[in-house]
Amino acid sequence: MKRHALPLIAGAVGGLLGYVLFFWIVRQGFYALVLPGALVGIGASLVRTKSQVVCVLCGVMALAVGIIAEWKFAPFRKDGSLPYFLLHLQDLRPLTLIMIGIGAAMGYWLPFRSK
């Protein structure tokens, strides 16, 4: 379990950094929703691991941080709560869903680079 903890912690730190950078970039007028998920994968890839479990958990973490970043950035007007947002993910614009998906895929795939 110890060997899984360090890459997951590095991934979580990367996700937090990506979350902060996402909002900084939004204030500059750009929309980089891929960034939080991608930085989860980049953070985890800095620590050498051969575990498929780490990659799957980083992918889930990247998906979660991407969804939370979008919810904080643009909650639904009808109800701004997270449960309502999660129940209506299908109502998001296609490009938003694609960017969240790419970030999650990068969060899953990038830790494989360290093998």
PDB file of N, CA and C in Angstrom:
ATOM      1  N   MET A   1       0.827  -1.198   0.000  1.00  0.00           N
ATOM      2  CA  MET A   1       0.000   0.000   0.000  1.00  0.00           C
ATOM      3  C   MET A   1       0.868   1.258   0.000  1.00  0.00           C
ATOM      4  N   LYS A   2       2.034   1.155   0.663  1.00  0.00           N
ATOM      5  CA  LYS A   2       2.923   2.304   0.732  1.00  0.00           C
ATOM      6  C   LYS A   2       3.391   2.759  -0.647  1.00  0.00           C
ATOM      7  N   ARG A   3       3.635   1.792  -1.529  1.00  0.00           N
ATOM      8  CA  ARG A   3       4.133   2.132  -2.863  1.00  0.00           C
ATOM      9  C   ARG A   3       3.070   2.803  -3.716  1.00  0.00           C
ATOM     10  N   HIS A   4       1.792   2.653  -3.345  1.00  0.00           N
ATOM     11  CA  HIS A   4       0.710   3.323  -4.069  1.00  0.00           C
ATOM     12  C   HIS A   4       0.459   4.732  -3.532  1.00  0.00           C
ATOM     13  N   ALA A   5       0.808   4.955  -2.283  1.00  0.00           N
ATOM     14  CA  ALA A   5       0.483   6.230  -1.639  1.00  0.00           C
ATOM     15  C   ALA A   5       1.220   7.411  -2.266  1.00  0.00           C
ATOM     16  N   LEU A   6       2.493   7.275  -2.520  1.00  0.00           N
ATOM     17  CA  LEU A   6       3.277   8.409  -3.022  1.00  0.00           C
ATOM     18  C   LEU A   6       2.807   8.892  -4.400  1.00  0.00           C
ATOM     19  N   PRO A   7       2.582   8.013  -5.378  1.00  0.00           N
ATOM     20  CA  PRO A   7       2.075   8.519  -6.657  1.00  0.00           C
ATOM     21  C   PRO A   7       0.674   9.121  -6.539  1.00  0.00           C
ATOM     22  N   LEU A   8      -0.153   8.567  -5.660  1.00  0.00           N
ATOM     23  CA  LEU A   8      -1.499   9.124  -5.480  1.00  0.00           C
ATOM     24  C   LEU A   8      -1.447  10.498  -4.821  1.00  0.00           C
ATOM     25  N   ILE A   9      -0.546  10.670  -3.869  1.00  0.00           N
ATOM     26  CA  ILE A   9      -0.378  11.982  -3.241  1.00  0.00           C
ATOM     27  C   ILE A   9       0.151  12.981  -4.264  1.00  0.00           C
ATOM     28  N   ALA A  10       1.122  12.565  -5.068  1.00  0.00           N
ATOM     29  CA  ALA A  10       1.650  13.448  -6.117  1.00  0.00           C
ATOM     30  C   ALA A  10       0.559  13.796  -7.128  1.00  0.00           C
ATOM     31  N   GLY A  11      -0.291  12.828  -7.453  1.00  0.00           N
ATOM     32  CA  GLY A  11      -1.412  13.104  -8.350  1.00  0.00           C
ATOM     33  C   GLY A  11      -2.402  14.075  -7.746  1.00  0.00           C
ATOM     34  N   ALA A  12      -2.681  13.919  -6.455  1.00  0.00           N
ATOM     35  CA  ALA A  12      -3.613  14.834  -5.779  1.00  0.00           C
ATOM     36  C   ALA A  12      -3.056  16.254  -5.733  1.00  0.00           C
ATOM     37  N   VAL A  13      -1.765  16.377  -5.483  1.00  0.00           N
ATOM     38  CA  VAL A  13      -1.129  17.703  -5.489  1.00  0.00           C
ATOM     39  C   VAL A  13      -1.195  18.306  -6.891  1.00  0.00           C
ATOM     40  N   GLY A  14      -0.946  17.486  -7.899  1.00  0.00           N
ATOM     41  CA  GLY A  14      -1.062  17.958  -9.279  1.00  0.00           C
ATOM     42  C   GLY A  14      -2.483  18.397  -9.605  1.00  0.00           C
ATOM     43  N   GLY A  15      -3.468  17.631  -9.138  1.00  0.00           N
ATOM     44  CA  GLY A  15      -4.863  18.006  -9.364  1.00  0.00           C
ATOM     45  C   GLY A  15      -5.231  19.315  -8.693  1.00  0.00           C
ATOM     46  N   LEU A  16      -4.739  19.529  -7.483  1.00  0.00           N
ATOM     47  CA  LEU A  16      -4.986  20.787  -6.786  1.00  0.00           C
ATOM     48  C   LEU A  16      -4.340  21.949  -7.531  1.00  0.00           C
ATOM     49  N   LEU A  17      -3.113  21.741  -7.989  1.00  0.00           N
ATOM     50  CA  LEU A  17      -2.430  22.769  -8.776  1.00  0.00           C
ATOM     51  C   LEU A  17      -3.191  23.050 -10.072  1.00  0.00           C
ATOM     52  N   GLY A  18      -3.664  21.996 -10.730  1.00  0.00           N
ATOM     53  CA  GLY A  18      -4.438  22.169 -11.956  1.00  0.00           C
ATOM     54  C   GLY A  18      -5.742  22.908 -11.722  1.00  0.00           C
ATOM     55  N   TYR A  19      -6.394  22.638 -10.591  1.00  0.00           N
ATOM     56  CA  TYR A  19      -7.632  23.326 -10.219  1.00  0.00           C
ATOM     57  C   TYR A  19      -7.376  24.827 -10.057  1.00  0.00           C
ATOM     58  N   VAL A  20      -6.305  25.169  -9.340  1.00  0.00           N
ATOM     59  CA  VAL A  20      -5.961  26.578  -9.131  1.00  0.00           C
ATOM     60  C   VAL A  20      -5.578  27.239 -10.451  1.00  0.00           C
ATOM     61  N   LEU A  21      -4.776  26.562 -11.256  1.00  0.00           N
ATOM     62  CA  LEU A  21      -4.366  27.121 -12.554  1.00  0.00           C
ATOM     63  C   LEU A  21      -5.552  27.277 -13.503  1.00  0.00           C
ATOM     64  N   PHE A  22      -6.511  26.349 -13.449  1.00  0.00           N
ATOM     65  CA  PHE A  22      -7.706  26.456 -14.283  1.00  0.00           C
ATOM     66  C   PHE A  22      -8.420  27.782 -14.023  1.00  0.00           C
ATOM     67  N   PHE A  23      -8.626  28.127 -12.750  1.00  0.00           N
ATOM     68  CA  PHE A  23      -9.325  29.371 -12.439  1.00  0.00           C
ATOM     69  C   PHE A  23      -8.472  30.595 -12.754  1.00  0.00           C
ATOM     70  N   TRP A  24      -7.155  30.486 -12.635  1.00  0.00           N
ATOM     71  CA  TRP A  24      -6.291  31.592 -13.015  1.00  0.00           C
ATOM     72  C   TRP A  24      -6.370  31.835 -14.527  1.00  0.00           C
ATOM     73  N   ILE A  25      -6.356  30.745 -15.293  1.00  0.00           N
ATOM     74  CA  ILE A  25      -6.438  30.861 -16.752  1.00  0.00           C
ATOM     75  C   ILE A  25      -7.803  31.374 -17.177  1.00  0.00           C
ATOM     76  N   VAL A  26      -8.868  30.975 -16.491  1.00  0.00           N
ATOM     77  CA  VAL A  26     -10.215  31.477 -16.800  1.00  0.00           C
ATOM     78  C   VAL A  26     -10.263  32.989 -16.610  1.00  0.00           C
ATOM     79  N   ARG A  27      -9.613  33.476 -15.558  1.00  0.00           N
ATOM     80  CA  ARG A  27      -9.584  34.934 -15.343  1.00  0.00           C
ATOM     81  C   ARG A  27      -8.815  35.656 -16.451  1.00  0.00           C
ATOM     82  N   GLN A  28      -7.961  34.946 -17.179  1.00  0.00           N
ATOM     83  CA  GLN A  28      -7.229  35.533 -18.294  1.00  0.00           C
ATOM     84  C   GLN A  28      -8.047  35.490 -19.585  1.00  0.00           C
ATOM     85  N   GLY A  29      -9.196  34.808 -19.549  1.00  0.00           N
ATOM     86  CA  GLY A  29     -10.071  34.755 -20.708  1.00  0.00           C
ATOM     87  C   GLY A  29     -10.008  33.462 -21.500  1.00  0.00           C
ATOM     88  N   PHE A  30      -9.336  32.450 -20.965  1.00  0.00           N
ATOM     89  CA  PHE A  30      -9.225  31.160 -21.653  1.00  0.00           C
ATOM     90  C   PHE A  30      -9.918  30.074 -20.826  1.00  0.00           C
ATOM     91  N   TYR A  31     -10.204  28.947 -21.469  1.00  0.00           N
ATOM     92  CA  TYR A  31     -10.936  27.858 -20.828  1.00  0.00           C
ATOM     93  C   TYR A  31     -10.119  26.583 -20.980  1.00  0.00           C
ATOM     94  N   ALA A  32      -9.432  26.194 -19.923  1.00  0.00           N
ATOM     95  CA  ALA A  32      -8.517  25.045 -19.981  1.00  0.00           C
ATOM     96  C   ALA A  32      -8.978  23.953 -19.024  1.00  0.00           C
ATOM     97  N   LEU A  33     -10.156  23.401 -19.267  1.00  0.00           N
ATOM     98  CA  LEU A  33     -10.732  22.416 -18.368  1.00  0.00           C
ATOM     99  C   LEU A  33      -9.978  21.088 -18.385  1.00  0.00           C
ATOM    100  N   VAL A  34      -9.134  20.868 -19.366  1.00  0.00           N
ATOM    101  CA  VAL A  34      -8.322  19.651 -19.419  1.00  0.00           C
ATOM    102  C   VAL A  34      -7.228  19.702 -18.341  1.00  0.00           C
ATOM    103  N   LEU A  35      -6.816  20.870 -17.971  1.00  0.00           N
ATOM    104  CA  LEU A  35      -5.656  21.058 -17.096  1.00  0.00           C
ATOM    105  C   LEU A  35      -5.747  20.355 -15.739  1.00  0.00           C
ATOM    106  N   PRO A  36      -6.834  20.448 -14.979  1.00  0.00           N
ATOM    107  CA  PRO A  36      -6.846  19.767 -13.677  1.00  0.00           C
ATOM    108  C   PRO A  36      -6.618  18.258 -13.787  1.00  0.00           C
ATOM    109  N   GLY A  37      -7.301  17.610 -14.704  1.00  0.00           N
ATOM    110  CA  GLY A  37      -7.129  16.168 -14.873  1.00  0.00           C
ATOM    111  C   GLY A  37      -5.754  15.802 -15.392  1.00  0.00           C
ATOM    112  N   ALA A  38      -5.252  16.584 -16.334  1.00  0.00           N
ATOM    113  CA  ALA A  38      -3.930  16.302 -16.897  1.00  0.00           C
ATOM    114  C   ALA A  38      -2.838  16.426 -15.837  1.00  0.00           C
ATOM    115  N   LEU A  39      -2.971  17.400 -14.947  1.00  0.00           N
ATOM    116  CA  LEU A  39      -1.947  17.575 -13.920  1.00  0.00           C
ATOM    117  C   LEU A  39      -2.017  16.492 -12.849  1.00  0.00           C
ATOM    118  N   VAL A  40      -3.170  15.843 -12.688  1.00  0.00           N
ATOM    119  CA  VAL A  40      -3.224  14.657 -11.829  1.00  0.00           C
ATOM    120  C   VAL A  40      -2.285  13.594 -12.410  1.00  0.00           C
ATOM    121  N   GLY A  41      -2.414  13.346 -13.702  1.00  0.00           N
ATOM    122  CA  GLY A  41      -1.570  12.346 -14.357  1.00  0.00           C
ATOM    123  C   GLY A  41      -0.107  12.728 -14.374  1.00  0.00           C
ATOM    124  N   ILE A  42       0.177  13.990 -14.617  1.00  0.00           N
ATOM    125  CA  ILE A  42       1.566  14.440 -14.636  1.00  0.00           C
ATOM    126  C   ILE A  42       2.181  14.318 -13.246  1.00  0.00           C
ATOM    127  N   GLY A  43       1.429  14.720 -12.223  1.00  0.00           N
ATOM    128  CA  GLY A  43       1.931  14.599 -10.854  1.00  0.00           C
ATOM    129  C   GLY A  43       2.241  13.161 -10.491  1.00  0.00           C
ATOM    130  N   ALA A  44       1.324  12.260 -10.818  1.00  0.00           N
ATOM    131  CA  ALA A  44       1.539  10.840 -10.506  1.00  0.00           C
ATOM    132  C   ALA A  44       2.683  10.254 -11.323  1.00  0.00           C
ATOM    133  N   SER A  45       2.891  10.759 -12.524  1.00  0.00           N
ATOM    134  CA  SER A  45       3.950  10.197 -13.376  1.00  0.00           C
ATOM    135  C   SER A  45       5.346  10.583 -12.888  1.00  0.00           C
ATOM    136  N   LEU A  46       5.441  11.555 -12.011  1.00  0.00           N
ATOM    137  CA  LEU A  46       6.742  11.954 -11.484  1.00  0.00           C
ATOM    138  C   LEU A  46       7.310  10.919 -10.521  1.00  0.00           C
ATOM    139  N   VAL A  47       6.424  10.054 -10.012  1.00  0.00           N
ATOM    140  CA  VAL A  47       6.846   8.990  -9.099  1.00  0.00           C
ATOM    141  C   VAL A  47       6.752   7.666  -9.854  1.00  0.00           C
ATOM    142  N   ARG A  48       7.822   6.912  -9.862  1.00  0.00           N
ATOM    143  CA  ARG A  48       7.825   5.654 -10.607  1.00  0.00           C
ATOM    144  C   ARG A  48       6.903   4.637  -9.951  1.00  0.00           C
ATOM    145  N   THR A  49       6.015   4.072 -10.769  1.00  0.00           N
ATOM    146  CA  THR A  49       5.107   3.034 -10.294  1.00  0.00           C
ATOM    147  C   THR A  49       4.811   2.070 -11.431  1.00  0.00           C
ATOM    148  N   LYS A  50       4.516   0.840 -11.081  1.00  0.00           N
ATOM    149  CA  LYS A  50       4.153  -0.149 -12.088  1.00  0.00           C
ATOM    150  C   LYS A  50       2.740  -0.660 -11.833  1.00  0.00           C
ATOM    151  N   SER A  51       1.991   0.063 -11.060  1.00  0.00           N
ATOM    152  CA  SER A  51       0.689  -0.400 -10.621  1.00  0.00           C
ATOM    153  C   SER A  51      -0.440   0.110 -11.517  1.00  0.00           C
ATOM    154  N   GLN A  52      -1.245  -0.819 -11.986  1.00  0.00           N
ATOM    155  CA  GLN A  52      -2.447  -0.468 -12.743  1.00  0.00           C
ATOM    156  C   GLN A  52      -3.460   0.213 -11.829  1.00  0.00           C
ATOM    157  N   VAL A  53      -3.463  -0.162 -10.557  1.00  0.00           N
ATOM    158  CA  VAL A  53      -4.395   0.413  -9.585  1.00  0.00           C
ATOM    159  C   VAL A  53      -4.169   1.923  -9.468  1.00  0.00           C
ATOM    160  N   VAL A  54      -2.914   2.329  -9.427  1.00  0.00           N
ATOM    161  CA  VAL A  54      -2.594   3.750  -9.333  1.00  0.00           C
ATOM    162  C   VAL A  54      -3.135   4.498 -10.552  1.00  0.00           C
ATOM    163  N   CYS A  55      -2.980   3.929 -11.726  1.00  0.00           N
ATOM    164  CA  CYS A  55      -3.461   4.571 -12.950  1.00  0.00           C
ATOM    165  C   CYS A  55      -4.981   4.720 -12.938  1.00  0.00           C
ATOM    166  N   VAL A  56      -5.678   3.682 -12.504  1.00  0.00           N
ATOM    167  CA  VAL A  56      -7.144   3.744 -12.453  1.00  0.00           C
ATOM    168  C   VAL A  56      -7.590   4.784 -11.430  1.00  0.00           C
ATOM    169  N   LEU A  57      -6.968   4.772 -10.256  1.00  0.00           N
ATOM    170  CA  LEU A  57      -7.343   5.748  -9.226  1.00  0.00           C
ATOM    171  C   LEU A  57      -7.029   7.180  -9.660  1.00  0.00           C
ATOM    172  N   CYS A  58      -5.939   7.365 -10.381  1.00  0.00           N
ATOM    173  CA  CYS A  58      -5.614   8.704 -10.901  1.00  0.00           C
ATOM    174  C   CYS A  58      -6.624   9.129 -11.963  1.00  0.00           C
ATOM    175  N   GLY A  59      -7.088   8.193 -12.781  1.00  0.00           N
ATOM    176  CA  GLY A  59      -8.115   8.512 -13.761  1.00  0.00           C
ATOM    177  C   GLY A  59      -9.417   8.943 -13.097  1.00  0.00           C
ATOM    178  N   VAL A  60      -9.805   8.234 -12.044  1.00  0.00           N
ATOM    179  CA  VAL A  60     -11.015   8.603 -11.297  1.00  0.00           C
ATOM    180  C   VAL A  60     -10.825   9.960 -10.620  1.00  0.00           C
ATOM    181  N   MET A  61      -9.645  10.180 -10.049  1.00  0.00           N
ATOM    182  CA  MET A  61      -9.353  11.456  -9.410  1.00  0.00           C
ATOM    183  C   MET A  61      -9.380  12.594 -10.435  1.00  0.00           C
ATOM    184  N   ALA A  62      -8.846  12.355 -11.616  1.00  0.00           N
ATOM    185  CA  ALA A  62      -8.840  13.371 -12.675  1.00  0.00           C
ATOM    186  C   ALA A  62     -10.258  13.683 -13.126  1.00  0.00           C
ATOM    187  N   LEU A  63     -11.091  12.679 -13.263  1.00  0.00           N
ATOM    188  CA  LEU A  63     -12.492  12.895 -13.632  1.00  0.00           C
ATOM    189  C   LEU A  63     -13.189  13.724 -12.564  1.00  0.00           C
ATOM    190  N   ALA A  64     -12.967  13.383 -11.311  1.00  0.00           N
ATOM    191  CA  ALA A  64     -13.616  14.106 -10.211  1.00  0.00           C
ATOM    192  C   ALA A  64     -13.172  15.566 -10.157  1.00  0.00           C
ATOM    193  N   VAL A  65     -11.882  15.823 -10.288  1.00  0.00           N
ATOM    194  CA  VAL A  65     -11.407  17.211 -10.203  1.00  0.00           C
ATOM    195  C   VAL A  65     -11.885  18.024 -11.408  1.00  0.00           C
ATOM    196  N   GLY A  66     -12.011  17.400 -12.566  1.00  0.00           N
ATOM    197  CA  GLY A  66     -12.549  18.101 -13.732  1.00  0.00           C
ATOM    198  C   GLY A  66     -14.016  18.471 -13.554  1.00  0.00           C
ATOM    199  N   ILE A  67     -14.801  17.544 -13.017  1.00  0.00           N
ATOM    200  CA  ILE A  67     -16.224  17.816 -12.776  1.00  0.00           C
ATOM    201  C   ILE A  67     -16.389  18.893 -11.713  1.00  0.00           C
ATOM    202  N   ILE A  68     -15.622  18.814 -10.649  1.00  0.00           N
ATOM    203  CA  ILE A  68     -15.732  19.810  -9.578  1.00  0.00           C
ATOM    204  C   ILE A  68     -15.295  21.188 -10.067  1.00  0.00           C
ATOM    205  N   ALA A  69     -14.259  21.247 -10.881  1.00  0.00           N
ATOM    206  CA  ALA A  69     -13.816  22.539 -11.423  1.00  0.00           C
ATOM    207  C   ALA A  69     -14.918  23.157 -12.287  1.00  0.00           C
ATOM    208  N   GLU A  70     -15.564  22.354 -13.120  1.00  0.00           N
ATOM    209  CA  GLU A  70     -16.645  22.878 -13.957  1.00  0.00           C
ATOM    210  C   GLU A  70     -17.827  23.297 -13.108  1.00  0.00           C
ATOM    211  N   TRP A  71     -18.147  22.535 -12.073  1.00  0.00           N
ATOM    212  CA  TRP A  71     -19.268  22.886 -11.192  1.00  0.00           C
ATOM    213  C   TRP A  71     -18.995  24.214 -10.484  1.00  0.00           C
ATOM    214  N   LYS A  72     -17.779  24.414  -9.989  1.00  0.00           N
ATOM    215  CA  LYS A  72     -17.450  25.674  -9.319  1.00  0.00           C
ATOM    216  C   LYS A  72     -17.420  26.842 -10.305  1.00  0.00           C
ATOM    217  N   PHE A  73     -16.996  26.572 -11.542  1.00  0.00           N
ATOM    218  CA  PHE A  73     -16.904  27.628 -12.548  1.00  0.00           C
ATOM    219  C   PHE A  73     -18.270  28.021 -13.091  1.00  0.00           C
ATOM    220  N   ALA A  74     -19.114  27.047 -13.399  1.00  0.00           N
ATOM    221  CA  ALA A  74     -20.402  27.333 -14.034  1.00  0.00           C
ATOM    222  C   ALA A  74     -21.491  26.399 -13.505  1.00  0.00           C
ATOM    223  N   PRO A  75     -21.954  26.642 -12.249  1.00  0.00           N
ATOM    224  CA  PRO A  75     -23.047  25.809 -11.752  1.00  0.00           C
ATOM    225  C   PRO A  75     -24.336  26.115 -12.509  1.00  0.00           C
ATOM    226  N   PHE A  76     -25.268  25.179 -12.476  1.00  0.00           N
ATOM    227  CA  PHE A  76     -26.547  25.413 -13.140  1.00  0.00           C
ATOM    228  C   PHE A  76     -27.303  26.527 -12.421  1.00  0.00           C
ATOM    229  N   ARG A  77     -28.020  27.358 -13.169  1.00  0.00           N
ATOM    230  CA  ARG A  77     -28.759  28.477 -12.584  1.00  0.00           C
ATOM    231  C   ARG A  77     -29.950  28.012 -11.759  1.00  0.00           C
ATOM    232  N   LYS A  78     -30.587  26.941 -12.202  1.00  0.00           N
ATOM    233  CA  LYS A  78     -31.781  26.454 -11.516  1.00  0.00           C
ATOM    234  C   LYS A  78     -31.454  25.995 -10.096  1.00  0.00           C
ATOM    235  N   ASP A  79     -30.352  25.307  -9.956  1.00  0.00           N
ATOM    236  CA  ASP A  79     -29.913  24.793  -8.657  1.00  0.00           C
ATOM    237  C   ASP A  79     -28.394  24.672  -8.719  1.00  0.00           C
ATOM    238  N   GLY A  80     -27.692  25.364  -7.856  1.00  0.00           N
ATOM    239  CA  GLY A  80     -26.238  25.378  -7.893  1.00  0.00           C
ATOM    240  C   GLY A  80     -25.574  24.292  -7.071  1.00  0.00           C
ATOM    241  N   SER A  81     -26.355  23.354  -6.550  1.00  0.00           N
ATOM    242  CA  SER A  81     -25.776  22.328  -5.682  1.00  0.00           C
ATOM    243  C   SER A  81     -25.028  21.266  -6.488  1.00  0.00           C
ATOM    244  N   LEU A  82     -24.073  20.617  -5.822  1.00  0.00           N
ATOM    245  CA  LEU A  82     -23.298  19.562  -6.474  1.00  0.00           C
ATOM    246  C   LEU A  82     -24.153  18.351  -6.841  1.00  0.00           C
ATOM    247  N   PRO A  83     -25.079  17.886  -5.962  1.00  0.00           N
ATOM    248  CA  PRO A  83     -25.907  16.741  -6.369  1.00  0.00           C
ATOM    249  C   PRO A  83     -26.733  17.023  -7.631  1.00  0.00           C
ATOM    250  N   TYR A  84     -27.286  18.220  -7.735  1.00  0.00           N
ATOM    251  CA  TYR A  84     -28.055  18.586  -8.933  1.00  0.00           C
ATOM    252  C   TYR A  84     -27.138  18.599 -10.153  1.00  0.00           C
ATOM    253  N   PHE A  85     -25.935  19.135  -9.987  1.00  0.00           N
ATOM    254  CA  PHE A  85     -24.974  19.195 -11.085  1.00  0.00           C
ATOM    255  C   PHE A  85     -24.615  17.788 -11.563  1.00  0.00           C
ATOM    256  N   LEU A  86     -24.363  16.882 -10.617  1.00  0.00           N
ATOM    257  CA  LEU A  86     -23.996  15.508 -10.976  1.00  0.00           C
ATOM    258  C   LEU A  86     -25.142  14.779 -11.674  1.00  0.00           C
ATOM    259  N   LEU A  87     -26.373  15.060 -11.260  1.00  0.00           N
ATOM    260  CA  LEU A  87     -27.529  14.421 -11.888  1.00  0.00           C
ATOM    261  C   LEU A  87     -27.816  14.963 -13.284  1.00  0.00           C
ATOM    262  N   HIS A  88     -27.261  16.130 -13.605  1.00  0.00           N
ATOM    263  CA  HIS A  88     -27.521  16.758 -14.899  1.00  0.00           C
ATOM    264  C   HIS A  88     -26.242  16.968 -15.714  1.00  0.00           C
ATOM    265  N   LEU A  89     -25.253  16.113 -15.515  1.00  0.00           N
ATOM    266  CA  LEU A  89     -24.013  16.210 -16.300  1.00  0.00           C
ATOM    267  C   LEU A  89     -24.277  16.117 -17.793  1.00  0.00           C
ATOM    268  N   GLN A  90     -25.278  15.330 -18.178  1.00  0.00           N
ATOM    269  CA  GLN A  90     -25.593  15.160 -19.596  1.00  0.00           C
ATOM    270  C   GLN A  90     -26.077  16.461 -20.233  1.00  0.00           C
ATOM    271  N   ASP A  91     -26.445  17.454 -19.434  1.00  0.00           N
ATOM    272  CA  ASP A  91     -26.910  18.734 -19.967  1.00  0.00           C
ATOM    273  C   ASP A  91     -25.775  19.706 -20.270  1.00  0.00           C
ATOM    274  N   LEU A  92     -24.550  19.331 -19.925  1.00  0.00           N
ATOM    275  CA  LEU A  92     -23.410  20.197 -20.228  1.00  0.00           C
ATOM    276  C   LEU A  92     -23.154  20.217 -21.727  1.00  0.00           C
ATOM    277  N   ARG A  93     -22.491  21.254 -22.180  1.00  0.00           N
ATOM    278  CA  ARG A  93     -22.150  21.349 -23.597  1.00  0.00           C
ATOM    279  C   ARG A  93     -21.200  20.228 -23.989  1.00  0.00           C
ATOM    280  N   PRO A  94     -21.297  19.769 -25.238  1.00  0.00           N
ATOM    281  CA  PRO A  94     -20.434  18.652 -25.674  1.00  0.00           C
ATOM    282  C   PRO A  94     -18.941  18.941 -25.508  1.00  0.00           C
ATOM    283  N   LEU A  95     -18.496  20.150 -25.812  1.00  0.00           N
ATOM    284  CA  LEU A  95     -17.074  20.461 -25.679  1.00  0.00           C
ATOM    285  C   LEU A  95     -16.626  20.382 -24.222  1.00  0.00           C
ATOM    286  N   THR A  96     -17.482  20.783 -23.308  1.00  0.00           N
ATOM    287  CA  THR A  96     -17.163  20.681 -21.887  1.00  0.00           C
ATOM    288  C   THR A  96     -16.977  19.222 -21.487  1.00  0.00           C
ATOM    289  N   LEU A  97     -17.895  18.367 -21.930  1.00  0.00           N
ATOM    290  CA  LEU A  97     -17.792  16.940 -21.626  1.00  0.00           C
ATOM    291  C   LEU A  97     -16.543  16.328 -22.254  1.00  0.00           C
ATOM    292  N   ILE A  98     -16.225  16.758 -23.463  1.00  0.00           N
ATOM    293  CA  ILE A  98     -15.021  16.249 -24.139  1.00  0.00           C
ATOM    294  C   ILE A  98     -13.774  16.655 -23.374  1.00  0.00           C
ATOM    295  N   MET A  99     -13.716  17.897 -22.923  1.00  0.00           N
ATOM    296  CA  MET A  99     -12.535  18.365 -22.190  1.00  0.00           C
ATOM    297  C   MET A  99     -12.388  17.646 -20.849  1.00  0.00           C
ATOM    298  N   ILE A 100     -13.499  17.401 -20.155  1.00  0.00           N
ATOM    299  CA  ILE A 100     -13.432  16.640 -18.906  1.00  0.00           C
ATOM    300  C   ILE A 100     -12.946  15.223 -19.201  1.00  0.00           C
ATOM    301  N   GLY A 101     -13.451  14.628 -20.275  1.00  0.00           N
ATOM    302  CA  GLY A 101     -13.044  13.272 -20.653  1.00  0.00           C
ATOM    303  C   GLY A 101     -11.581  13.181 -21.042  1.00  0.00           C
ATOM    304  N   ILE A 102     -11.089  14.157 -21.780  1.00  0.00           N
ATOM    305  CA  ILE A 102      -9.670  14.166 -22.150  1.00  0.00           C
ATOM    306  C   ILE A 102      -8.800  14.302 -20.904  1.00  0.00           C
ATOM    307  N   GLY A 103      -9.207  15.181 -19.984  1.00  0.00           N
ATOM    308  CA  GLY A 103      -8.457  15.323 -18.730  1.00  0.00           C
ATOM    309  C   GLY A 103      -8.434  14.029 -17.936  1.00  0.00           C
ATOM    310  N   ALA A 104      -9.577  13.330 -17.884  1.00  0.00           N
ATOM    311  CA  ALA A 104      -9.633  12.046 -17.166  1.00  0.00           C
ATOM    312  C   ALA A 104      -8.766  10.996 -17.858  1.00  0.00           C
ATOM    313  N   ALA A 105      -8.799  10.972 -19.190  1.00  0.00           N
ATOM    314  CA  ALA A 105      -7.968  10.021 -19.938  1.00  0.00           C
ATOM    315  C   ALA A 105      -6.483  10.300 -19.706  1.00  0.00           C
ATOM    316  N   MET A 106      -6.109  11.572 -19.678  1.00  0.00           N
ATOM    317  CA  MET A 106      -4.711  11.913 -19.405  1.00  0.00           C
ATOM    318  C   MET A 106      -4.331  11.555 -17.966  1.00  0.00           C
ATOM    319  N   GLY A 107      -5.263  11.752 -17.038  1.00  0.00           N
ATOM    320  CA  GLY A 107      -5.010  11.363 -15.656  1.00  0.00           C
ATOM    321  C   GLY A 107      -4.777   9.875 -15.525  1.00  0.00           C
ATOM    322  N   TYR A 108      -5.465   9.097 -16.343  1.00  0.00           N
ATOM    323  CA  TYR A 108      -5.282   7.644 -16.333  1.00  0.00           C
ATOM    324  C   TYR A 108      -4.002   7.237 -17.071  1.00  0.00           C
ATOM    325  N   TRP A 109      -3.765   7.811 -18.213  1.00  0.00           N
ATOM    326  CA  TRP A 109      -2.705   7.331 -19.091  1.00  0.00           C
ATOM    327  C   TRP A 109      -1.308   7.840 -18.714  1.00  0.00           C
ATOM    328  N   LEU A 110      -1.189   9.060 -18.264  1.00  0.00           N
ATOM    329  CA  LEU A 110       0.139   9.632 -18.017  1.00  0.00           C
ATOM    330  C   LEU A 110       0.959   8.904 -16.948  1.00  0.00           C
ATOM    331  N   PRO A 111       0.357   8.346 -15.902  1.00  0.00           N
ATOM    332  CA  PRO A 111       1.203   7.587 -14.964  1.00  0.00           C
ATOM    333  C   PRO A 111       1.878   6.376 -15.607  1.00  0.00           C
ATOM    334  N   PHE A 112       1.358   5.858 -16.717  1.00  0.00           N
ATOM    335  CA  PHE A 112       2.009   4.762 -17.429  1.00  0.00           C
ATOM    336  C   PHE A 112       3.366   5.178 -17.986  1.00  0.00           C
ATOM    337  N   ARG A 113       3.573   6.479 -18.197  1.00  0.00           N
ATOM    338  CA  ARG A 113       4.845   6.955 -18.742  1.00  0.00           C
ATOM    339  C   ARG A 113       6.011   6.620 -17.841  1.00  0.00           C
ATOM    340  N   SER A 114       5.746   6.469 -16.551  1.00  0.00           N
ATOM    341  CA  SER A 114       6.847   6.234 -15.623  1.00  0.00           C
ATOM    342  C   SER A 114       7.331   4.796 -15.623  1.00  0.00           C
ATOM    343  N   LYS A 115       6.671   3.921 -16.380  1.00  0.00           N
ATOM    344  CA  LYS A 115       7.071   2.498 -16.375  1.00  0.00           C
ATOM    345  C   LYS A 115       8.309   2.270 -17.206  1.00  0.00           C
TER     346      LYS A 115
END
